PDB file of all heavy atoms in Angstrom:
ATOM      1  N   ARG A   1       1.392  12.021  -5.024  1.00  0.00           N
ATOM      2  CA  ARG A   1       2.261  11.531  -6.094  1.00  0.00           C
ATOM      3  C   ARG A   1       3.655  12.174  -5.973  1.00  0.00           C
ATOM      4  O   ARG A   1       4.677  11.536  -6.059  1.00  0.00           O
ATOM      5  CB  ARG A   1       1.667  11.821  -7.467  1.00  0.00           C
ATOM      6  CG  ARG A   1       2.535  11.256  -8.587  1.00  0.00           C
ATOM      7  CD  ARG A   1       2.137  11.636  -9.997  1.00  0.00           C
ATOM      8  NE  ARG A   1       0.725  11.466 -10.293  1.00  0.00           N
ATOM      9  CZ  ARG A   1      -0.138  12.458 -10.499  1.00  0.00           C
ATOM     10  NH1 ARG A   1       0.247  13.715 -10.433  1.00  0.00           N
ATOM     11  NH2 ARG A   1      -1.395  12.198 -10.794  1.00  0.00           N
ATOM     12  N   ARG A   2       3.670  13.470  -5.738  1.00  0.00           N
ATOM     13  CA  ARG A   2       4.933  14.208  -5.584  1.00  0.00           C
ATOM     14  C   ARG A   2       5.742  13.665  -4.398  1.00  0.00           C
ATOM     15  O   ARG A   2       6.953  13.483  -4.501  1.00  0.00           O
ATOM     16  CB  ARG A   2       4.645  15.688  -5.412  1.00  0.00           C
ATOM     17  CG  ARG A   2       5.798  16.607  -5.659  1.00  0.00           C
ATOM     18  CD  ARG A   2       5.431  18.094  -5.684  1.00  0.00           C
ATOM     19  NE  ARG A   2       4.418  18.392  -6.696  1.00  0.00           N
ATOM     20  CZ  ARG A   2       3.179  18.794  -6.439  1.00  0.00           C
ATOM     21  NH1 ARG A   2       2.766  18.962  -5.191  1.00  0.00           N
ATOM     22  NH2 ARG A   2       2.327  19.040  -7.402  1.00  0.00           N
ATOM     23  N   LEU A   3       5.068  13.408  -3.296  1.00  0.00           N
ATOM     24  CA  LEU A   3       5.754  12.873  -2.111  1.00  0.00           C
ATOM     25  C   LEU A   3       6.335  11.482  -2.355  1.00  0.00           C
ATOM     26  O   LEU A   3       7.424  11.172  -1.906  1.00  0.00           O
ATOM     27  CB  LEU A   3       4.790  12.837  -0.916  1.00  0.00           C
ATOM     28  CG  LEU A   3       4.355  14.190  -0.353  1.00  0.00           C
ATOM     29  CD1 LEU A   3       3.240  14.008   0.665  1.00  0.00           C
ATOM     30  CD2 LEU A   3       5.541  14.921   0.253  1.00  0.00           C
ATOM     31  N   VAL A   4       5.606  10.664  -3.113  1.00  0.00           N
ATOM     32  CA  VAL A   4       6.087   9.315  -3.415  1.00  0.00           C
ATOM     33  C   VAL A   4       7.265   9.387  -4.401  1.00  0.00           C
ATOM     34  O   VAL A   4       8.319   8.767  -4.190  1.00  0.00           O
ATOM     35  CB  VAL A   4       4.956   8.426  -3.979  1.00  0.00           C
ATOM     36  CG1 VAL A   4       5.502   7.118  -4.518  1.00  0.00           C
ATOM     37  CG2 VAL A   4       3.916   8.157  -2.890  1.00  0.00           C
ATOM     38  N   LEU A   5       7.108  10.175  -5.458  1.00  0.00           N
ATOM     39  CA  LEU A   5       8.167  10.260  -6.475  1.00  0.00           C
ATOM     40  C   LEU A   5       9.439  10.915  -5.938  1.00  0.00           C
ATOM     41  O   LEU A   5      10.534  10.597  -6.395  1.00  0.00           O
ATOM     42  CB  LEU A   5       7.662  11.013  -7.707  1.00  0.00           C
ATOM     43  CG  LEU A   5       6.678  10.248  -8.570  1.00  0.00           C
ATOM     44  CD1 LEU A   5       6.113  11.148  -9.661  1.00  0.00           C
ATOM     45  CD2 LEU A   5       7.327   9.014  -9.188  1.00  0.00           C
ATOM     46  N   SER A   6       9.309  11.810  -4.987  1.00  0.00           N
ATOM     47  CA  SER A   6      10.479  12.478  -4.439  1.00  0.00           C
ATOM     48  C   SER A   6      11.137  11.658  -3.315  1.00  0.00           C
ATOM     49  O   SER A   6      12.196  12.024  -2.825  1.00  0.00           O
ATOM     50  CB  SER A   6      10.111  13.861  -3.914  1.00  0.00           C
ATOM     51  OG  SER A   6       9.225  13.759  -2.819  1.00  0.00           O
ATOM     52  N   GLY A   7      10.482  10.570  -2.905  1.00  0.00           N
ATOM     53  CA  GLY A   7      11.053   9.709  -1.885  1.00  0.00           C
ATOM     54  C   GLY A   7      10.699  10.100  -0.460  1.00  0.00           C
ATOM     55  O   GLY A   7      11.123   9.462   0.492  1.00  0.00           O
ATOM     56  N   VAL A   8       9.908  11.145  -0.296  1.00  0.00           N
ATOM     57  CA  VAL A   8       9.447  11.534   1.051  1.00  0.00           C
ATOM     58  C   VAL A   8       8.632  10.393   1.643  1.00  0.00           C
ATOM     59  O   VAL A   8       8.742  10.079   2.825  1.00  0.00           O
ATOM     60  CB  VAL A   8       8.672  12.865   1.007  1.00  0.00           C
ATOM     61  CG1 VAL A   8       8.066  13.173   2.366  1.00  0.00           C
ATOM     62  CG2 VAL A   8       9.571  14.003   0.552  1.00  0.00           C
ATOM     63  N   ILE A   9       7.790   9.791   0.811  1.00  0.00           N
ATOM     64  CA  ILE A   9       7.081   8.580   1.184  1.00  0.00           C
ATOM     65  C   ILE A   9       7.823   7.440   0.483  1.00  0.00           C
ATOM     66  O   ILE A   9       7.870   7.383  -0.749  1.00  0.00           O
ATOM     67  CB  ILE A   9       5.605   8.603   0.754  1.00  0.00           C
ATOM     68  CG1 ILE A   9       4.864   9.750   1.454  1.00  0.00           C
ATOM     69  CG2 ILE A   9       4.931   7.261   1.070  1.00  0.00           C
ATOM     70  CD1 ILE A   9       3.424   9.924   1.017  1.00  0.00           C
ATOM     71  N   ALA A  10       8.437   6.571   1.260  1.00  0.00           N
ATOM     72  CA  ALA A  10       9.281   5.508   0.713  1.00  0.00           C
ATOM     73  C   ALA A  10       8.440   4.372   0.121  1.00  0.00           C
ATOM     74  O   ALA A  10       7.271   4.194   0.470  1.00  0.00           O
ATOM     75  CB  ALA A  10      10.176   4.956   1.823  1.00  0.00           C
ATOM     76  N   GLN A  11       9.094   3.614  -0.767  1.00  0.00           N
ATOM     77  CA  GLN A  11       8.462   2.430  -1.354  1.00  0.00           C
ATOM     78  C   GLN A  11       7.938   1.526  -0.253  1.00  0.00           C
ATOM     79  O   GLN A  11       8.608   1.286   0.744  1.00  0.00           O
ATOM     80  CB  GLN A  11       9.465   1.680  -2.223  1.00  0.00           C
ATOM     81  CG  GLN A  11       8.952   0.383  -2.786  1.00  0.00           C
ATOM     82  CD  GLN A  11       9.997  -0.317  -3.633  1.00  0.00           C
ATOM     83  OE1 GLN A  11      10.787   0.324  -4.300  1.00  0.00           O
ATOM     84  NE2 GLN A  11       9.985  -1.628  -3.598  1.00  0.00           N
ATOM     85  N   ASP A  12       6.719   1.049  -0.424  1.00  0.00           N
ATOM     86  CA  ASP A  12       6.047   0.137   0.500  1.00  0.00           C
ATOM     87  C   ASP A  12       5.694   0.769   1.847  1.00  0.00           C
ATOM     88  O   ASP A  12       5.244   0.096   2.753  1.00  0.00           O
ATOM     89  CB  ASP A  12       6.861  -1.157   0.718  1.00  0.00           C
ATOM     90  CG  ASP A  12       7.039  -1.918  -0.554  1.00  0.00           C
ATOM     91  OD1 ASP A  12       6.080  -2.010  -1.353  1.00  0.00           O
ATOM     92  OD2 ASP A  12       8.150  -2.462  -0.779  1.00  0.00           O
ATOM     93  N   GLU A  13       5.892   2.086   1.978  1.00  0.00           N
ATOM     94  CA  GLU A  13       5.509   2.773   3.223  1.00  0.00           C
ATOM     95  C   GLU A  13       3.988   2.929   3.238  1.00  0.00           C
ATOM     96  O   GLU A  13       3.361   3.228   2.223  1.00  0.00           O
ATOM     97  CB  GLU A  13       6.172   4.149   3.296  1.00  0.00           C
ATOM     98  CG  GLU A  13       5.857   4.897   4.572  1.00  0.00           C
ATOM     99  CD  GLU A  13       6.591   6.233   4.662  1.00  0.00           C
ATOM    100  OE1 GLU A  13       7.633   6.398   3.996  1.00  0.00           O
ATOM    101  OE2 GLU A  13       6.095   7.110   5.395  1.00  0.00           O
ATOM    102  N   LYS A  14       3.420   2.729   4.405  1.00  0.00           N
ATOM    103  CA  LYS A  14       1.976   2.830   4.565  1.00  0.00           C
ATOM    104  C   LYS A  14       1.545   4.297   4.534  1.00  0.00           C
ATOM    105  O   LYS A  14       2.145   5.132   5.187  1.00  0.00           O
ATOM    106  CB  LYS A  14       1.523   2.181   5.874  1.00  0.00           C
ATOM    107  CG  LYS A  14       0.030   2.089   6.031  1.00  0.00           C
ATOM    108  CD  LYS A  14      -0.321   1.377   7.337  1.00  0.00           C
ATOM    109  CE  LYS A  14      -1.802   1.129   7.502  1.00  0.00           C
ATOM    110  NZ  LYS A  14      -2.688   2.231   7.217  1.00  0.00           N
ATOM    111  N   LEU A  15       0.530   4.580   3.738  1.00  0.00           N
ATOM    112  CA  LEU A  15      -0.047   5.915   3.699  1.00  0.00           C
ATOM    113  C   LEU A  15      -1.056   6.060   4.833  1.00  0.00           C
ATOM    114  O   LEU A  15      -1.571   5.047   5.334  1.00  0.00           O
ATOM    115  CB  LEU A  15      -0.767   6.149   2.365  1.00  0.00           C
ATOM    116  CG  LEU A  15       0.098   6.608   1.188  1.00  0.00           C
ATOM    117  CD1 LEU A  15       1.119   5.599   0.789  1.00  0.00           C
ATOM    118  CD2 LEU A  15      -0.760   6.968   0.013  1.00  0.00           C
ATOM    119  N   PRO A  16      -1.357   7.291   5.221  1.00  0.00           N
ATOM    120  CA  PRO A  16      -2.401   7.473   6.253  1.00  0.00           C
ATOM    121  C   PRO A  16      -3.713   6.862   5.776  1.00  0.00           C
ATOM    122  O   PRO A  16      -4.008   6.860   4.582  1.00  0.00           O
ATOM    123  CB  PRO A  16      -2.511   8.982   6.383  1.00  0.00           C
ATOM    124  CG  PRO A  16      -1.308   9.555   5.753  1.00  0.00           C
ATOM    125  CD  PRO A  16      -0.827   8.552   4.758  1.00  0.00           C
ATOM    126  N   SER A  17      -4.486   6.364   6.697  1.00  0.00           N
ATOM    127  CA  SER A  17      -5.790   5.838   6.316  1.00  0.00           C
ATOM    128  C   SER A  17      -6.653   6.957   5.784  1.00  0.00           C
ATOM    129  O   SER A  17      -6.398   8.145   6.017  1.00  0.00           O
ATOM    130  CB  SER A  17      -6.477   5.190   7.534  1.00  0.00           C
ATOM    131  OG  SER A  17      -6.908   6.193   8.435  1.00  0.00           O
ATOM    132  N   VAL A  18      -7.701   6.599   5.066  1.00  0.00           N
ATOM    133  CA  VAL A  18      -8.612   7.581   4.494  1.00  0.00           C
ATOM    134  C   VAL A  18      -9.179   8.463   5.604  1.00  0.00           C
ATOM    135  O   VAL A  18      -9.171   9.690   5.506  1.00  0.00           O
ATOM    136  CB  VAL A  18      -9.739   6.874   3.705  1.00  0.00           C
ATOM    137  CG1 VAL A  18     -10.848   7.866   3.337  1.00  0.00           C
ATOM    138  CG2 VAL A  18      -9.185   6.202   2.463  1.00  0.00           C
ATOM    139  N   ARG A  19      -9.635   7.847   6.675  1.00  0.00           N
ATOM    140  CA  ARG A  19     -10.234   8.615   7.768  1.00  0.00           C
ATOM    141  C   ARG A  19      -9.213   9.507   8.471  1.00  0.00           C
ATOM    142  O   ARG A  19      -9.509  10.655   8.820  1.00  0.00           O
ATOM    143  CB  ARG A  19     -10.879   7.678   8.791  1.00  0.00           C
ATOM    144  CG  ARG A  19     -12.137   7.062   8.277  1.00  0.00           C
ATOM    145  CD  ARG A  19     -12.796   6.207   9.317  1.00  0.00           C
ATOM    146  NE  ARG A  19     -13.953   5.535   8.719  1.00  0.00           N
ATOM    147  CZ  ARG A  19     -14.721   4.709   9.348  1.00  0.00           C
ATOM    148  NH1 ARG A  19     -14.475   4.396  10.612  1.00  0.00           N
ATOM    149  NH2 ARG A  19     -15.754   4.149   8.741  1.00  0.00           N
ATOM    150  N   GLU A  20      -8.012   8.974   8.651  1.00  0.00           N
ATOM    151  CA  GLU A  20      -6.947   9.738   9.320  1.00  0.00           C
ATOM    152  C   GLU A  20      -6.591  10.990   8.508  1.00  0.00           C
ATOM    153  O   GLU A  20      -6.505  12.088   9.041  1.00  0.00           O
ATOM    154  CB  GLU A  20      -5.714   8.833   9.482  1.00  0.00           C
ATOM    155  CG  GLU A  20      -4.550   9.463  10.200  1.00  0.00           C
ATOM    156  CD  GLU A  20      -3.360   8.524  10.288  1.00  0.00           C
ATOM    157  OE1 GLU A  20      -3.535   7.290  10.126  1.00  0.00           O
ATOM    158  OE2 GLU A  20      -2.249   9.034  10.478  1.00  0.00           O
ATOM    159  N   LEU A  21      -6.389  10.805   7.172  1.00  0.00           N
ATOM    160  CA  LEU A  21      -6.021  11.933   6.336  1.00  0.00           C
ATOM    161  C   LEU A  21      -7.184  12.921   6.217  1.00  0.00           C
ATOM    162  O   LEU A  21      -6.971  14.145   6.225  1.00  0.00           O
ATOM    163  CB  LEU A  21      -5.567  11.441   4.958  1.00  0.00           C
ATOM    164  CG  LEU A  21      -4.928  12.477   4.046  1.00  0.00           C
ATOM    165  CD1 LEU A  21      -3.764  13.186   4.728  1.00  0.00           C
ATOM    166  CD2 LEU A  21      -4.459  11.834   2.753  1.00  0.00           C
ATOM    167  N   ALA A  22      -8.393  12.418   6.135  1.00  0.00           N
ATOM    168  CA  ALA A  22      -9.575  13.290   6.053  1.00  0.00           C
ATOM    169  C   ALA A  22      -9.682  14.137   7.318  1.00  0.00           C
ATOM    170  O   ALA A  22      -9.988  15.321   7.272  1.00  0.00           O
ATOM    171  CB  ALA A  22     -10.840  12.468   5.861  1.00  0.00           C
ATOM    172  N   SER A  23      -9.373  13.533   8.449  1.00  0.00           N
ATOM    173  CA  SER A  23      -9.407  14.251   9.718  1.00  0.00           C
ATOM    174  C   SER A  23      -8.314  15.313   9.771  1.00  0.00           C
ATOM    175  O   SER A  23      -8.566  16.455  10.200  1.00  0.00           O
ATOM    176  CB  SER A  23      -9.246  13.256  10.870  1.00  0.00           C
ATOM    177  OG  SER A  23      -9.185  13.941  12.094  1.00  0.00           O
ATOM    178  N   GLN A  24      -7.104  14.945   9.340  1.00  0.00           N
ATOM    179  CA  GLN A  24      -5.977  15.897   9.347  1.00  0.00           C
ATOM    180  C   GLN A  24      -6.272  17.108   8.460  1.00  0.00           C
ATOM    181  O   GLN A  24      -5.920  18.237   8.815  1.00  0.00           O
ATOM    182  CB  GLN A  24      -4.700  15.222   8.834  1.00  0.00           C
ATOM    183  CG  GLN A  24      -4.057  14.271   9.780  1.00  0.00           C
ATOM    184  CD  GLN A  24      -2.869  13.544   9.132  1.00  0.00           C
ATOM    185  OE1 GLN A  24      -2.483  13.834   8.016  1.00  0.00           O
ATOM    186  NE2 GLN A  24      -2.311  12.596   9.864  1.00  0.00           N
ATOM    187  N   LEU A  25      -6.882  16.856   7.292  1.00  0.00           N
ATOM    188  CA  LEU A  25      -7.135  17.932   6.340  1.00  0.00           C
ATOM    189  C   LEU A  25      -8.514  18.581   6.505  1.00  0.00           C
ATOM    190  O   LEU A  25      -8.833  19.531   5.816  1.00  0.00           O
ATOM    191  CB  LEU A  25      -6.996  17.396   4.900  1.00  0.00           C
ATOM    192  CG  LEU A  25      -5.610  16.860   4.521  1.00  0.00           C
ATOM    193  CD1 LEU A  25      -5.653  16.224   3.131  1.00  0.00           C
ATOM    194  CD2 LEU A  25      -4.572  17.960   4.582  1.00  0.00           C
ATOM    195  N   ALA A  26      -9.303  18.030   7.407  1.00  0.00           N
ATOM    196  CA  ALA A  26     -10.661  18.527   7.685  1.00  0.00           C
ATOM    197  C   ALA A  26     -11.510  18.549   6.415  1.00  0.00           C
ATOM    198  O   ALA A  26     -12.136  19.571   6.074  1.00  0.00           O
ATOM    199  CB  ALA A  26     -10.612  19.902   8.349  1.00  0.00           C
TER     200      ALA A  26
END
């Protein structure tokens, strides 16, 4: 939410897939 509201993740930008983010964060 913070990343979206601060503009780090832009409007309509694709977020990492569930599996991709789960893998990144272990």
